[in-house]
């Protein structure tokens, strides 16, 4: 067994953090090999104070909110151990969550990151939140051919190839992050940073895996509500998608993939949990909003991310055919 640092980024997660830390206190993986670091993004609801009640958890209070990307980007410097597992604040971990992630993470055979079986509300196994037994289905975040993340399930039959690893629960190492140059791009702030991380791994020839027996119950349920805050968040996510794929692809590849990306803005609506009548009503406004955000992002991408693209291209080990095949679902 190897020592592992577990990093949890929190922001106003007081209602979640007790359940998560209680589940970490009961892991089958040896406590003496586990370091737990809670990075608090300047919460205003007492999250850090709750986490400090657990003496085995190191709480790092940030003076300001650095976003999801910026907060997690501190992890390699804070962690004492080479292997690092990352968790969202709003999950409850199966008792074997960490042991099974460690067992599947094999950098020596080219595994760059492994992600957990992420059980969301609506999955039949979610209500029980059984922390001792496993089940025959793996739930995971996949990458659609149109560039957006989509929630999928499949029969559980050992670690399975994946096109991305979700930031909700994944494991990588300091050495791999150093090889990439950084964990998450802090300019993305929040949303699509895990896709960016995954594509940079793939571009350097690393493999990604989802581990059915490493289970987390994700308490967050995505509902489609139209508010000013939700529109700002959606705009950020859509524009970040353009920035990430611009950075990850050369000019020819991006030109080939751009029609898929543009179509993916409106098609993302199909992944949201809502009734079909409501989906039909919001389809046209959502499509126009998505396309407007993408068109706005296109001239900004070369201004902000050209240097990043050059760096990725200089270190890339995968050819155009391999990269496009990965994005279009022809290879994992």
C-alpha atoms as a PDB file:
ATOM      1  CA  UNK A   1       0.000   0.000   0.000  1.00  0.00           C
ATOM      2  CA  UNK A   2       1.108   3.567  -0.707  1.00  0.00           C
ATOM      3  CA  UNK A   3       0.544   6.837   1.188  1.00  0.00           C
ATOM      4  CA  UNK A   4      -2.144   9.057  -0.344  1.00  0.00           C
ATOM      5  CA  UNK A   5      -3.161  12.688   0.085  1.00  0.00           C
ATOM      6  CA  UNK A   6      -6.924  13.297  -0.176  1.00  0.00           C
ATOM      7  CA  UNK A   7      -7.792  16.867  -1.166  1.00  0.00           C
ATOM      8  CA  UNK A   8     -11.255  18.381  -0.703  1.00  0.00           C
ATOM      9  CA  UNK A   9     -12.008  21.855  -2.028  1.00  0.00           C
ATOM     10  CA  UNK A  10     -14.884  23.526  -0.177  1.00  0.00           C
ATOM     11  CA  UNK A  11     -16.950  26.637  -0.643  1.00  0.00           C
ATOM     12  CA  UNK A  12     -20.001  27.231   1.545  1.00  0.00           C
ATOM     13  CA  UNK A  13     -20.354  23.472   1.916  1.00  0.00           C
ATOM     14  CA  UNK A  14     -21.253  23.340   5.594  1.00  0.00           C
ATOM     15  CA  UNK A  15     -24.318  21.211   4.924  1.00  0.00           C
ATOM     16  CA  UNK A  16     -22.159  18.593   3.151  1.00  0.00           C
ATOM     17  CA  UNK A  17     -18.777  18.486   4.860  1.00  0.00           C
ATOM     18  CA  UNK A  18     -19.779  16.463   7.938  1.00  0.00           C
ATOM     19  CA  UNK A  19     -21.194  13.613   5.861  1.00  0.00           C
ATOM     20  CA  UNK A  20     -18.088  13.541   3.667  1.00  0.00           C
ATOM     21  CA  UNK A  21     -15.564  13.614   6.509  1.00  0.00           C
ATOM     22  CA  UNK A  22     -17.520  10.984   8.436  1.00  0.00           C
ATOM     23  CA  UNK A  23     -17.305   8.709   5.398  1.00  0.00           C
ATOM     24  CA  UNK A  24     -13.553   9.338   5.142  1.00  0.00           C
ATOM     25  CA  UNK A  25     -13.111   8.500   8.821  1.00  0.00           C
ATOM     26  CA  UNK A  26     -14.525   5.043   8.083  1.00  0.00           C
ATOM     27  CA  UNK A  27     -12.396   4.133   5.054  1.00  0.00           C
ATOM     28  CA  UNK A  28     -10.946   0.631   4.753  1.00  0.00           C
ATOM     29  CA  UNK A  29      -7.642   2.159   3.619  1.00  0.00           C
ATOM     30  CA  UNK A  30      -5.191   2.553   6.532  1.00  0.00           C
ATOM     31  CA  UNK A  31      -5.555   5.874   8.308  1.00  0.00           C
ATOM     32  CA  UNK A  32      -1.793   6.131   8.855  1.00  0.00           C
ATOM     33  CA  UNK A  33      -1.300   6.130   5.071  1.00  0.00           C
ATOM     34  CA  UNK A  34      -3.928   8.802   4.432  1.00  0.00           C
ATOM     35  CA  UNK A  35      -3.516  12.551   4.621  1.00  0.00           C
ATOM     36  CA  UNK A  36      -6.731  14.614   4.340  1.00  0.00           C
ATOM     37  CA  UNK A  37      -6.481  18.273   3.305  1.00  0.00           C
ATOM     38  CA  UNK A  38      -9.540  20.547   3.247  1.00  0.00           C
ATOM     39  CA  UNK A  39      -8.908  23.669   1.163  1.00  0.00           C
ATOM     40  CA  UNK A  40     -11.570  26.221   2.033  1.00  0.00           C
ATOM     41  CA  UNK A  41     -12.271  28.839  -0.641  1.00  0.00           C
ATOM     42  CA  UNK A  42     -13.116  31.648   1.855  1.00  0.00           C
ATOM     43  CA  UNK A  43     -16.486  30.152   2.813  1.00  0.00           C
ATOM     44  CA  UNK A  44     -18.914  32.337   4.727  1.00  0.00           C
ATOM     45  CA  UNK A  45     -21.027  29.586   6.261  1.00  0.00           C
ATOM     46  CA  UNK A  46     -18.627  28.046   8.777  1.00  0.00           C
ATOM     47  CA  UNK A  47     -17.428  25.183   6.573  1.00  0.00           C
ATOM     48  CA  UNK A  48     -13.828  25.521   7.763  1.00  0.00           C
ATOM     49  CA  UNK A  49     -14.880  25.560  11.415  1.00  0.00           C
ATOM     50  CA  UNK A  50     -16.832  22.313  10.935  1.00  0.00           C
ATOM     51  CA  UNK A  51     -13.875  20.655   9.189  1.00  0.00           C
ATOM     52  CA  UNK A  52     -11.558  21.699  12.022  1.00  0.00           C
ATOM     53  CA  UNK A  53     -13.532  19.474  14.396  1.00  0.00           C
ATOM     54  CA  UNK A  54     -11.825  16.520  12.721  1.00  0.00           C
ATOM     55  CA  UNK A  55      -8.297  16.539  14.172  1.00  0.00           C
ATOM     56  CA  UNK A  56      -6.886  14.294  11.446  1.00  0.00           C
ATOM     57  CA  UNK A  57      -7.942  16.753   8.704  1.00  0.00           C
ATOM     58  CA  UNK A  58      -5.647  19.633   7.772  1.00  0.00           C
ATOM     59  CA  UNK A  59      -7.722  22.730   7.009  1.00  0.00           C
ATOM     60  CA  UNK A  60      -6.227  25.387   4.738  1.00  0.00           C
ATOM     61  CA  UNK A  61      -8.201  28.635   4.759  1.00  0.00           C
ATOM     62  CA  UNK A  62      -7.775  30.737   1.632  1.00  0.00           C
ATOM     63  CA  UNK A  63      -8.118  34.520   2.050  1.00  0.00           C
ATOM     64  CA  UNK A  64     -10.347  34.752  -1.027  1.00  0.00           C
ATOM     65  CA  UNK A  65     -12.265  32.510  -3.373  1.00  0.00           C
ATOM     66  CA  UNK A  66      -9.886  31.266  -6.073  1.00  0.00           C
ATOM     67  CA  UNK A  67     -12.547  29.255  -7.891  1.00  0.00           C
ATOM     68  CA  UNK A  68     -12.595  25.516  -8.415  1.00  0.00           C
ATOM     69  CA  UNK A  69      -9.549  25.523 -10.678  1.00  0.00           C
ATOM     70  CA  UNK A  70      -7.477  27.901  -8.578  1.00  0.00           C
ATOM     71  CA  UNK A  71      -8.249  26.245  -5.246  1.00  0.00           C
ATOM     72  CA  UNK A  72      -7.443  22.738  -6.445  1.00  0.00           C
ATOM     73  CA  UNK A  73      -4.334  23.966  -8.259  1.00  0.00           C
ATOM     74  CA  UNK A  74      -2.722  24.457  -4.830  1.00  0.00           C
ATOM     75  CA  UNK A  75      -3.011  20.768  -3.994  1.00  0.00           C
ATOM     76  CA  UNK A  76       0.311  19.467  -5.399  1.00  0.00           C
ATOM     77  CA  UNK A  77       2.236  22.008  -3.298  1.00  0.00           C
ATOM     78  CA  UNK A  78       0.217  21.298  -0.147  1.00  0.00           C
ATOM     79  CA  UNK A  79       0.135  17.501  -0.363  1.00  0.00           C
ATOM     80  CA  UNK A  80       2.896  15.544   1.383  1.00  0.00           C
ATOM     81  CA  UNK A  81       2.396  12.420  -0.719  1.00  0.00           C
ATOM     82  CA  UNK A  82       3.044  11.647  -4.391  1.00  0.00           C
ATOM     83  CA  UNK A  83      -0.399  10.198  -5.060  1.00  0.00           C
ATOM     84  CA  UNK A  84      -3.337  12.584  -4.680  1.00  0.00           C
ATOM     85  CA  UNK A  85      -7.086  11.900  -4.688  1.00  0.00           C
ATOM     86  CA  UNK A  86      -9.479  14.795  -5.264  1.00  0.00           C
ATOM     87  CA  UNK A  87     -13.057  15.007  -3.983  1.00  0.00           C
ATOM     88  CA  UNK A  88     -15.944  17.418  -4.357  1.00  0.00           C
ATOM     89  CA  UNK A  89     -17.395  18.594  -1.065  1.00  0.00           C
ATOM     90  CA  UNK A  90     -20.887  17.224  -1.789  1.00  0.00           C
ATOM     91  CA  UNK A  91     -20.145  13.496  -1.887  1.00  0.00           C
ATOM     92  CA  UNK A  92     -20.324  10.548   0.492  1.00  0.00           C
ATOM     93  CA  UNK A  93     -17.670   7.899  -0.074  1.00  0.00           C
ATOM     94  CA  UNK A  94     -18.138   4.138  -0.060  1.00  0.00           C
ATOM     95  CA  UNK A  95     -15.974   2.475   2.579  1.00  0.00           C
ATOM     96  CA  UNK A  96     -13.654   1.079  -0.124  1.00  0.00           C
ATOM     97  CA  UNK A  97     -13.594   4.261  -2.209  1.00  0.00           C
ATOM     98  CA  UNK A  98      -9.933   5.038  -1.639  1.00  0.00           C
ATOM     99  CA  UNK A  99      -8.638   1.448  -1.574  1.00  0.00           C
ATOM    100  CA  UNK A 100     -10.205   0.722  -4.952  1.00  0.00           C
ATOM    101  CA  UNK A 101      -8.897   3.937  -6.531  1.00  0.00           C
ATOM    102  CA  UNK A 102      -5.383   3.138  -5.360  1.00  0.00           C
ATOM    103  CA  UNK A 103      -5.612  -0.410  -6.694  1.00  0.00           C
ATOM    104  CA  UNK A 104      -6.592   0.833 -10.167  1.00  0.00           C
ATOM    105  CA  UNK A 105      -4.121   3.715 -10.439  1.00  0.00           C
ATOM    106  CA  UNK A 106      -1.071   2.404 -12.285  1.00  0.00           C
ATOM    107  CA  UNK A 107       1.094   5.190 -13.768  1.00  0.00           C
ATOM    108  CA  UNK A 108       3.772   2.650 -14.697  1.00  0.00           C
ATOM    109  CA  UNK A 109       1.459   1.232 -17.361  1.00  0.00           C
ATOM    110  CA  UNK A 110       0.407   4.647 -18.635  1.00  0.00           C
ATOM    111  CA  UNK A 111      -2.663   5.342 -16.481  1.00  0.00           C
ATOM    112  CA  UNK A 112      -2.699   9.109 -15.996  1.00  0.00           C
ATOM    113  CA  UNK A 113      -5.813   9.394 -13.854  1.00  0.00           C
ATOM    114  CA  UNK A 114      -8.633   7.230 -12.511  1.00  0.00           C
ATOM    115  CA  UNK A 115     -12.142   8.366 -11.612  1.00  0.00           C
ATOM    116  CA  UNK A 116     -14.794   6.911  -9.331  1.00  0.00           C
ATOM    117  CA  UNK A 117     -18.189   5.371  -9.922  1.00  0.00           C
ATOM    118  CA  UNK A 118     -20.290   8.523  -9.408  1.00  0.00           C
ATOM    119  CA  UNK A 119     -23.845   7.744  -8.285  1.00  0.00           C
ATOM    120  CA  UNK A 120     -26.182  10.693  -8.778  1.00  0.00           C
ATOM    121  CA  UNK A 121     -29.735  11.301  -7.528  1.00  0.00           C
ATOM    122  CA  UNK A 122     -32.061   9.372  -9.813  1.00  0.00           C
ATOM    123  CA  UNK A 123     -29.854   6.289  -9.953  1.00  0.00           C
ATOM    124  CA  UNK A 124     -31.608   3.352  -8.235  1.00  0.00           C
ATOM    125  CA  UNK A 125     -28.639   2.808  -5.905  1.00  0.00           C
ATOM    126  CA  UNK A 126     -28.585   6.413  -4.681  1.00  0.00           C
ATOM    127  CA  UNK A 127     -31.399   6.251  -2.114  1.00  0.00           C
ATOM    128  CA  UNK A 128     -29.731   3.562   0.008  1.00  0.00           C
ATOM    129  CA  UNK A 129     -26.223   5.087  -0.228  1.00  0.00           C
ATOM    130  CA  UNK A 130     -24.843   1.745   0.851  1.00  0.00           C
ATOM    131  CA  UNK A 131     -21.240   2.219   1.956  1.00  0.00           C
ATOM    132  CA  UNK A 132     -20.400  -1.473   2.304  1.00  0.00           C
ATOM    133  CA  UNK A 133     -21.754  -3.278  -0.742  1.00  0.00           C
ATOM    134  CA  UNK A 134     -20.984  -2.700  -4.401  1.00  0.00           C
ATOM    135  CA  UNK A 135     -23.349  -3.138  -7.356  1.00  0.00           C
ATOM    136  CA  UNK A 136     -23.304  -4.149 -10.998  1.00  0.00           C
ATOM    137  CA  UNK A 137     -23.480  -0.718 -12.666  1.00  0.00           C
ATOM    138  CA  UNK A 138     -20.852   1.952 -13.151  1.00  0.00           C
ATOM    139  CA  UNK A 139     -21.996   5.570 -13.471  1.00  0.00           C
ATOM    140  CA  UNK A 140     -19.531   8.000 -14.993  1.00  0.00           C
ATOM    141  CA  UNK A 141     -19.046  11.317 -16.735  1.00  0.00           C
ATOM    142  CA  UNK A 142     -18.263  10.771 -20.398  1.00  0.00           C
ATOM    143  CA  UNK A 143     -17.360  13.163 -23.177  1.00  0.00           C
ATOM    144  CA  UNK A 144     -19.945  13.395 -25.912  1.00  0.00           C
ATOM    145  CA  UNK A 145     -18.838  13.733 -29.518  1.00  0.00           C
ATOM    146  CA  UNK A 146     -20.171  17.305 -29.289  1.00  0.00           C
ATOM    147  CA  UNK A 147     -17.705  18.326 -26.569  1.00  0.00           C
ATOM    148  CA  UNK A 148     -19.891  18.460 -23.475  1.00  0.00           C
ATOM    149  CA  UNK A 149     -19.871  16.158 -20.485  1.00  0.00           C
ATOM    150  CA  UNK A 150     -22.650  13.602 -20.333  1.00  0.00           C
ATOM    151  CA  UNK A 151     -23.665  11.240 -17.522  1.00  0.00           C
ATOM    152  CA  UNK A 152     -23.630   7.601 -18.585  1.00  0.00           C
ATOM    153  CA  UNK A 153     -23.894   4.124 -17.095  1.00  0.00           C
ATOM    154  CA  UNK A 154     -22.680   0.684 -18.122  1.00  0.00           C
ATOM    155  CA  UNK A 155     -22.343  -2.812 -16.655  1.00  0.00           C
ATOM    156  CA  UNK A 156     -19.551  -2.917 -14.095  1.00  0.00           C
ATOM    157  CA  UNK A 157     -16.769  -5.215 -15.307  1.00  0.00           C
ATOM    158  CA  UNK A 158     -13.482  -3.890 -13.969  1.00  0.00           C
ATOM    159  CA  UNK A 159     -11.899  -0.492 -14.669  1.00  0.00           C
ATOM    160  CA  UNK A 160     -13.168   0.814 -18.000  1.00  0.00           C
ATOM    161  CA  UNK A 161     -11.569   3.236 -20.470  1.00  0.00           C
ATOM    162  CA  UNK A 162     -12.903   6.772 -20.363  1.00  0.00           C
ATOM    163  CA  UNK A 163     -12.507   9.883 -22.504  1.00  0.00           C
ATOM    164  CA  UNK A 164     -12.447  12.192 -19.452  1.00  0.00           C
ATOM    165  CA  UNK A 165     -12.188  11.944 -15.676  1.00  0.00           C
ATOM    166  CA  UNK A 166     -14.640  13.988 -13.641  1.00  0.00           C
ATOM    167  CA  UNK A 167     -13.376  16.444 -11.056  1.00  0.00           C
ATOM    168  CA  UNK A 168     -15.934  15.063  -8.603  1.00  0.00           C
ATOM    169  CA  UNK A 169     -13.639  12.187  -7.566  1.00  0.00           C
ATOM    170  CA  UNK A 170     -10.372  11.265  -9.261  1.00  0.00           C
ATOM    171  CA  UNK A 171      -6.768  10.309  -8.542  1.00  0.00           C
ATOM    172  CA  UNK A 172      -3.502  11.314 -10.176  1.00  0.00           C
ATOM    173  CA  UNK A 173       0.062  11.995  -9.050  1.00  0.00           C
ATOM    174  CA  UNK A 174       2.407  14.918  -8.536  1.00  0.00           C
ATOM    175  CA  UNK A 175       4.762  13.550 -11.182  1.00  0.00           C
ATOM    176  CA  UNK A 176       2.009  13.450 -13.783  1.00  0.00           C
ATOM    177  CA  UNK A 177       0.837  16.970 -12.898  1.00  0.00           C
ATOM    178  CA  UNK A 178       4.436  18.206 -13.163  1.00  0.00           C
ATOM    179  CA  UNK A 179       4.725  16.605 -16.574  1.00  0.00           C
ATOM    180  CA  UNK A 180       1.603  18.467 -17.705  1.00  0.00           C
ATOM    181  CA  UNK A 181       2.903  21.687 -16.162  1.00  0.00           C
ATOM    182  CA  UNK A 182      -0.105  22.305 -13.879  1.00  0.00           C
ATOM    183  CA  UNK A 183      -3.272  20.618 -12.672  1.00  0.00           C
ATOM    184  CA  UNK A 184      -6.104  22.951 -13.717  1.00  0.00           C
ATOM    185  CA  UNK A 185      -5.959  26.138 -15.774  1.00  0.00           C
ATOM    186  CA  UNK A 186      -6.839  28.837 -13.234  1.00  0.00           C
ATOM    187  CA  UNK A 187      -8.171  31.106 -15.986  1.00  0.00           C
ATOM    188  CA  UNK A 188     -11.101  28.734 -16.428  1.00  0.00           C
ATOM    189  CA  UNK A 189     -12.076  29.445 -12.782  1.00  0.00           C
ATOM    190  CA  UNK A 190     -14.852  26.863 -12.770  1.00  0.00           C
ATOM    191  CA  UNK A 191     -16.420  24.413 -15.259  1.00  0.00           C
ATOM    192  CA  UNK A 192     -14.760  22.269 -17.943  1.00  0.00           C
ATOM    193  CA  UNK A 193     -11.394  22.349 -16.137  1.00  0.00           C
ATOM    194  CA  UNK A 194     -11.564  18.571 -15.707  1.00  0.00           C
ATOM    195  CA  UNK A 195     -12.107  18.151 -19.451  1.00  0.00           C
ATOM    196  CA  UNK A 196      -9.074  20.363 -20.057  1.00  0.00           C
ATOM    197  CA  UNK A 197      -7.006  18.264 -17.627  1.00  0.00           C
ATOM    198  CA  UNK A 198      -8.199  15.043 -19.275  1.00  0.00           C
ATOM    199  CA  UNK A 199      -7.418  16.188 -22.809  1.00  0.00           C
ATOM    200  CA  UNK A 200      -3.939  17.311 -21.799  1.00  0.00           C
ATOM    201  CA  UNK A 201      -3.364  13.845 -20.342  1.00  0.00           C
ATOM    202  CA  UNK A 202      -4.612  12.168 -23.511  1.00  0.00           C
ATOM    203  CA  UNK A 203      -2.457  14.428 -25.691  1.00  0.00           C
ATOM    204  CA  UNK A 204       0.624  13.104 -23.877  1.00  0.00           C
ATOM    205  CA  UNK A 205      -0.415   9.497 -24.352  1.00  0.00           C
ATOM    206  CA  UNK A 206      -1.862   8.781 -20.918  1.00  0.00           C
ATOM    207  CA  UNK A 207      -4.887   6.521 -20.447  1.00  0.00           C
ATOM    208  CA  UNK A 208      -7.943   7.359 -18.335  1.00  0.00           C
ATOM    209  CA  UNK A 209     -10.016   4.853 -16.382  1.00  0.00           C
ATOM    210  CA  UNK A 210     -13.258   4.746 -14.379  1.00  0.00           C
ATOM    211  CA  UNK A 211     -13.278   2.348 -11.409  1.00  0.00           C
ATOM    212  CA  UNK A 212     -16.690   0.708 -10.728  1.00  0.00           C
ATOM    213  CA  UNK A 213     -15.737  -0.409  -7.212  1.00  0.00           C
ATOM    214  CA  UNK A 214     -14.605   3.065  -6.097  1.00  0.00           C
ATOM    215  CA  UNK A 215     -18.021   4.536  -5.349  1.00  0.00           C
ATOM    216  CA  UNK A 216     -19.088   8.043  -4.379  1.00  0.00           C
ATOM    217  CA  UNK A 217     -22.643   9.253  -3.896  1.00  0.00           C
ATOM    218  CA  UNK A 218     -22.869  12.737  -5.380  1.00  0.00           C
ATOM    219  CA  UNK A 219     -25.524  14.707  -3.488  1.00  0.00           C
ATOM    220  CA  UNK A 220     -25.773  17.534  -6.001  1.00  0.00           C
ATOM    221  CA  UNK A 221     -28.725  17.365  -8.366  1.00  0.00           C
ATOM    222  CA  UNK A 222     -28.600  19.511 -11.481  1.00  0.00           C
ATOM    223  CA  UNK A 223     -31.922  21.183 -12.204  1.00  0.00           C
ATOM    224  CA  UNK A 224     -32.575  23.589 -15.016  1.00  0.00           C
ATOM    225  CA  UNK A 225     -33.617  26.919 -13.548  1.00  0.00           C
ATOM    226  CA  UNK A 226     -33.368  30.264 -15.285  1.00  0.00           C
ATOM    227  CA  UNK A 227     -31.822  32.835 -12.975  1.00  0.00           C
ATOM    228  CA  UNK A 228     -29.211  35.509 -13.539  1.00  0.00           C
ATOM    229  CA  UNK A 229     -26.616  33.481 -11.648  1.00  0.00           C
ATOM    230  CA  UNK A 230     -27.428  30.333 -13.599  1.00  0.00           C
ATOM    231  CA  UNK A 231     -27.133  32.181 -16.899  1.00  0.00           C
ATOM    232  CA  UNK A 232     -23.715  33.544 -15.930  1.00  0.00           C
ATOM    233  CA  UNK A 233     -22.575  30.055 -14.919  1.00  0.00           C
ATOM    234  CA  UNK A 234     -23.912  28.558 -18.159  1.00  0.00           C
ATOM    235  CA  UNK A 235     -22.165  31.242 -20.217  1.00  0.00           C
ATOM    236  CA  UNK A 236     -18.877  30.531 -18.441  1.00  0.00           C
ATOM    237  CA  UNK A 237     -19.208  26.785 -19.028  1.00  0.00           C
ATOM    238  CA  UNK A 238     -20.052  27.201 -22.722  1.00  0.00           C
ATOM    239  CA  UNK A 239     -17.226  29.671 -23.358  1.00  0.00           C
ATOM    240  CA  UNK A 240     -14.764  27.545 -21.393  1.00  0.00           C
ATOM    241  CA  UNK A 241     -15.617  24.639 -23.674  1.00  0.00           C
ATOM    242  CA  UNK A 242     -14.454  26.685 -26.668  1.00  0.00           C
ATOM    243  CA  UNK A 243     -11.266  27.744 -24.855  1.00  0.00           C
ATOM    244  CA  UNK A 244     -10.436  24.158 -23.841  1.00  0.00           C
ATOM    245  CA  UNK A 245     -10.846  22.646 -27.294  1.00  0.00           C
ATOM    246  CA  UNK A 246      -9.047  25.541 -28.958  1.00  0.00           C
ATOM    247  CA  UNK A 247      -6.110  24.893 -26.609  1.00  0.00           C
ATOM    248  CA  UNK A 248      -6.142  21.122 -27.064  1.00  0.00           C
ATOM    249  CA  UNK A 249      -6.305  21.007 -30.876  1.00  0.00           C
ATOM    250  CA  UNK A 250      -4.163  22.440 -33.636  1.00  0.00           C
ATOM    251  CA  UNK A 251      -5.712  24.757 -36.214  1.00  0.00           C
ATOM    252  CA  UNK A 252      -6.764  22.010 -38.652  1.00  0.00           C
ATOM    253  CA  UNK A 253      -8.156  19.769 -35.910  1.00  0.00           C
ATOM    254  CA  UNK A 254     -10.087  22.652 -34.373  1.00  0.00           C
ATOM    255  CA  UNK A 255     -11.580  23.591 -37.747  1.00  0.00           C
ATOM    256  CA  UNK A 256     -12.723  19.984 -38.236  1.00  0.00           C
ATOM    257  CA  UNK A 257     -14.134  19.714 -34.727  1.00  0.00           C
ATOM    258  CA  UNK A 258     -15.748  23.184 -34.540  1.00  0.00           C
ATOM    259  CA  UNK A 259     -19.070  22.159 -36.166  1.00  0.00           C
ATOM    260  CA  UNK A 260     -19.454  19.416 -33.530  1.00  0.00           C
ATOM    261  CA  UNK A 261     -18.654  21.927 -30.802  1.00  0.00           C
ATOM    262  CA  UNK A 262     -21.175  24.467 -32.110  1.00  0.00           C
ATOM    263  CA  UNK A 263     -23.855  21.804 -32.312  1.00  0.00           C
ATOM    264  CA  UNK A 264     -23.034  20.728 -28.775  1.00  0.00           C
ATOM    265  CA  UNK A 265     -24.151  24.026 -27.273  1.00  0.00           C
ATOM    266  CA  UNK A 266     -27.847  23.508 -28.047  1.00  0.00           C
ATOM    267  CA  UNK A 267     -27.639  19.715 -27.752  1.00  0.00           C
ATOM    268  CA  UNK A 268     -26.435  19.964 -24.137  1.00  0.00           C
ATOM    269  CA  UNK A 269     -30.088  20.659 -23.344  1.00  0.00           C
ATOM    270  CA  UNK A 270     -30.784  16.961 -23.906  1.00  0.00           C
ATOM    271  CA  UNK A 271     -28.616  16.114 -20.887  1.00  0.00           C
ATOM    272  CA  UNK A 272     -30.518  18.335 -18.446  1.00  0.00           C
ATOM    273  CA  UNK A 273     -33.156  16.861 -16.165  1.00  0.00           C
ATOM    274  CA  UNK A 274     -36.491  18.304 -17.253  1.00  0.00           C
ATOM    275  CA  UNK A 275     -39.737  17.217 -18.845  1.00  0.00           C
ATOM    276  CA  UNK A 276     -39.966  17.078 -22.621  1.00  0.00           C
ATOM    277  CA  UNK A 277     -42.668  19.809 -22.822  1.00  0.00           C
ATOM    278  CA  UNK A 278     -40.430  22.196 -20.907  1.00  0.00           C
ATOM    279  CA  UNK A 279     -37.424  21.137 -22.963  1.00  0.00           C
ATOM    280  CA  UNK A 280     -39.280  22.031 -26.160  1.00  0.00           C
ATOM    281  CA  UNK A 281     -40.263  25.450 -24.779  1.00  0.00           C
ATOM    282  CA  UNK A 282     -36.706  26.435 -23.827  1.00  0.00           C
ATOM    283  CA  UNK A 283     -34.978  24.729 -26.770  1.00  0.00           C
ATOM    284  CA  UNK A 284     -34.807  27.724 -29.129  1.00  0.00           C
ATOM    285  CA  UNK A 285     -33.787  30.368 -26.534  1.00  0.00           C
ATOM    286  CA  UNK A 286     -31.191  27.991 -25.065  1.00  0.00           C
ATOM    287  CA  UNK A 287     -29.827  27.192 -28.526  1.00  0.00           C
ATOM    288  CA  UNK A 288     -29.483  30.884 -29.395  1.00  0.00           C
ATOM    289  CA  UNK A 289     -27.890  31.630 -26.018  1.00  0.00           C
ATOM    290  CA  UNK A 290     -25.386  28.778 -26.438  1.00  0.00           C
ATOM    291  CA  UNK A 291     -24.430  29.789 -29.954  1.00  0.00           C
ATOM    292  CA  UNK A 292     -24.036  33.436 -28.898  1.00  0.00           C
ATOM    293  CA  UNK A 293     -21.677  32.428 -26.088  1.00  0.00           C
ATOM    294  CA  UNK A 294     -19.616  30.244 -28.393  1.00  0.00           C
ATOM    295  CA  UNK A 295     -19.376  32.895 -31.084  1.00  0.00           C
ATOM    296  CA  UNK A 296     -18.301  35.423 -28.432  1.00  0.00           C
ATOM    297  CA  UNK A 297     -15.627  33.018 -27.196  1.00  0.00           C
ATOM    298  CA  UNK A 298     -14.113  32.293 -30.616  1.00  0.00           C
ATOM    299  CA  UNK A 299     -12.174  35.581 -31.057  1.00  0.00           C
ATOM    300  CA  UNK A 300     -11.128  35.524 -27.384  1.00  0.00           C
ATOM    301  CA  UNK A 301      -9.596  32.044 -27.585  1.00  0.00           C
ATOM    302  CA  UNK A 302      -6.489  32.976 -29.626  1.00  0.00           C
ATOM    303  CA  UNK A 303      -5.987  36.148 -27.587  1.00  0.00           C
ATOM    304  CA  UNK A 304      -5.979  34.304 -24.249  1.00  0.00           C
ATOM    305  CA  UNK A 305      -4.896  30.744 -25.004  1.00  0.00           C
ATOM    306  CA  UNK A 306      -2.435  30.785 -27.929  1.00  0.00           C
ATOM    307  CA  UNK A 307       0.589  30.316 -25.648  1.00  0.00           C
ATOM    308  CA  UNK A 308      -1.124  27.428 -23.899  1.00  0.00           C
ATOM    309  CA  UNK A 309      -1.923  25.811 -27.242  1.00  0.00           C
ATOM    310  CA  UNK A 310       1.691  26.090 -28.351  1.00  0.00           C
ATOM    311  CA  UNK A 311       2.845  24.454 -25.134  1.00  0.00           C
ATOM    312  CA  UNK A 312       0.371  21.584 -25.513  1.00  0.00           C
ATOM    313  CA  UNK A 313       1.333  21.039 -29.156  1.00  0.00           C
ATOM    314  CA  UNK A 314       5.038  21.041 -28.291  1.00  0.00           C
ATOM    315  CA  UNK A 315       4.546  18.274 -25.714  1.00  0.00           C
ATOM    316  CA  UNK A 316       1.952  16.228 -27.570  1.00  0.00           C
ATOM    317  CA  UNK A 317       2.571  12.535 -28.219  1.00  0.00           C
ATOM    318  CA  UNK A 318      -0.671  11.821 -30.086  1.00  0.00           C
ATOM    319  CA  UNK A 319      -1.244  12.615 -33.758  1.00  0.00           C
ATOM    320  CA  UNK A 320      -4.236  14.353 -35.286  1.00  0.00           C
ATOM    321  CA  UNK A 321      -5.954  11.093 -36.192  1.00  0.00           C
ATOM    322  CA  UNK A 322      -5.588   9.790 -32.649  1.00  0.00           C
ATOM    323  CA  UNK A 323      -6.842  12.999 -31.039  1.00  0.00           C
ATOM    324  CA  UNK A 324      -9.871  13.367 -33.308  1.00  0.00           C
ATOM    325  CA  UNK A 325     -10.665   9.668 -32.933  1.00  0.00           C
ATOM    326  CA  UNK A 326     -10.653  10.143 -29.161  1.00  0.00           C
ATOM    327  CA  UNK A 327     -13.007  13.134 -29.345  1.00  0.00           C
ATOM    328  CA  UNK A 328     -15.388  11.446 -31.755  1.00  0.00           C
ATOM    329  CA  UNK A 329     -15.642   8.317 -29.646  1.00  0.00           C
ATOM    330  CA  UNK A 330     -13.784   6.049 -32.028  1.00  0.00           C
ATOM    331  CA  UNK A 331     -11.168   5.241 -29.386  1.00  0.00           C
ATOM    332  CA  UNK A 332     -11.141   5.545 -25.578  1.00  0.00           C
END
